[in-house]
Amino acid sequence: MRNKNLGGMPPPKTRKEMEHNLALVFEDTLKKLESNDKSLKGSVLIFTAPHLKKVKSTPNFRLNLLTIDESIRLQANMLEWMK
């Protein structure tokens, strides 16, 4: 049985959209790390950074989609959806 999208976050339709969404996570993470909010920085270091460190690129500098875990994928889709 396939999951039906019942009005929630729509998944990216293309690789380009997925890469764009992931770029939003990287930008958001950098912005939070540069802020003066210690609790925000701590949260990013605990919940986001370890997952981002696992994301690798291929020899042609594309993202290796197999290295993107569920946590980062959901965060990436959520950031795009909230725009």
Protein backbone atom coordinates (compact mmCIF):
# COMPACT_ATOMS: atom_id res chain seq x y z
CA MET A 1 0.00 0.00 0.00
CA ARG A 2 1.42 3.39 -0.97
CA ASN A 3 1.44 6.42 1.30
CA LYS A 4 -0.90 9.14 0.14
CA ASN A 5 0.01 12.77 0.64
CA LEU A 6 -3.04 14.07 2.48
CA GLY A 7 -2.27 17.78 2.43
CA GLY A 8 1.01 17.61 4.36
CA MET A 9 4.45 18.55 3.18
CA PRO A 10 4.80 17.69 -0.50
CA PRO A 11 7.98 15.75 -1.27
CA PRO A 12 10.35 17.16 -3.88
CA LYS A 13 9.49 16.06 -7.40
CA THR A 14 13.00 16.23 -8.83
CA ARG A 15 16.60 15.83 -7.76
CA LYS A 16 17.06 19.57 -8.33
CA GLU A 17 14.26 20.34 -5.85
CA MET A 18 15.81 17.96 -3.29
CA GLU A 19 19.22 19.62 -3.68
CA HIS A 20 17.59 23.04 -3.31
CA ASN A 21 15.81 21.93 -0.13
CA LEU A 22 19.04 20.57 1.30
CA ALA A 23 20.80 23.86 0.51
CA LEU A 24 18.14 25.54 2.67
CA VAL A 25 19.17 23.32 5.59
CA PHE A 26 22.84 24.25 5.15
CA GLU A 27 21.95 27.98 5.01
CA ASP A 28 19.65 27.73 8.01
CA THR A 29 22.29 25.85 10.00
CA LEU A 30 24.97 28.44 9.25
CA LYS A 31 22.61 31.27 10.18
CA LYS A 32 21.82 29.63 13.51
CA LEU A 33 25.48 28.93 14.28
CA GLU A 34 26.32 32.59 13.60
CA SER A 35 23.59 33.84 15.93
CA ASN A 36 24.20 34.90 19.53
CA ASP A 37 21.61 32.44 20.84
CA LYS A 38 23.52 29.74 22.74
CA SER A 39 20.53 27.43 23.05
CA LEU A 40 19.87 27.67 19.29
CA LYS A 41 23.52 26.87 18.57
CA GLY A 42 23.39 23.93 20.98
CA SER A 43 20.27 22.59 19.35
CA VAL A 44 21.83 22.76 15.89
CA LEU A 45 25.02 21.09 17.09
CA ILE A 46 23.08 18.25 18.70
CA PHE A 47 20.21 17.67 16.28
CA THR A 48 21.31 18.89 12.85
CA ALA A 49 25.09 19.00 12.48
CA PRO A 50 25.72 15.26 13.00
CA HIS A 51 23.30 14.44 10.18
CA LEU A 52 24.72 17.11 7.86
CA LYS A 53 28.24 15.77 8.40
CA LYS A 54 27.10 12.48 6.87
CA VAL A 55 25.99 14.11 3.60
CA LYS A 56 28.62 13.46 0.93
CA SER A 57 29.07 14.49 -2.66
CA THR A 58 29.79 12.38 -5.70
CA PRO A 59 32.92 12.79 -7.87
CA ASN A 60 30.96 15.14 -10.15
CA PHE A 61 30.05 17.31 -7.11
CA ARG A 62 26.39 16.31 -6.99
CA LEU A 63 24.94 15.29 -3.64
CA ASN A 64 25.06 11.59 -2.95
CA LEU A 65 21.38 11.06 -2.20
CA LEU A 66 22.16 7.78 -0.41
CA THR A 67 23.96 9.75 2.32
CA ILE A 68 20.96 11.94 3.15
CA ASP A 69 19.20 10.42 6.13
CA GLU A 70 15.54 10.71 7.04
CA SER A 71 16.13 13.46 9.61
CA ILE A 72 17.81 15.82 7.15
CA ARG A 73 15.40 14.93 4.35
CA LEU A 74 12.42 15.83 6.53
CA GLN A 75 14.06 19.02 7.74
CA ALA A 76 14.89 20.02 4.15
CA ASN A 77 11.32 19.42 2.97
CA MET A 78 9.91 21.27 5.97
CA LEU A 79 12.06 24.38 5.36
CA GLU A 80 10.89 24.55 1.74
CA TRP A 81 7.28 23.96 2.78
CA MET A 82 7.43 26.75 5.41
CA LYS A 83 8.71 29.38 2.93
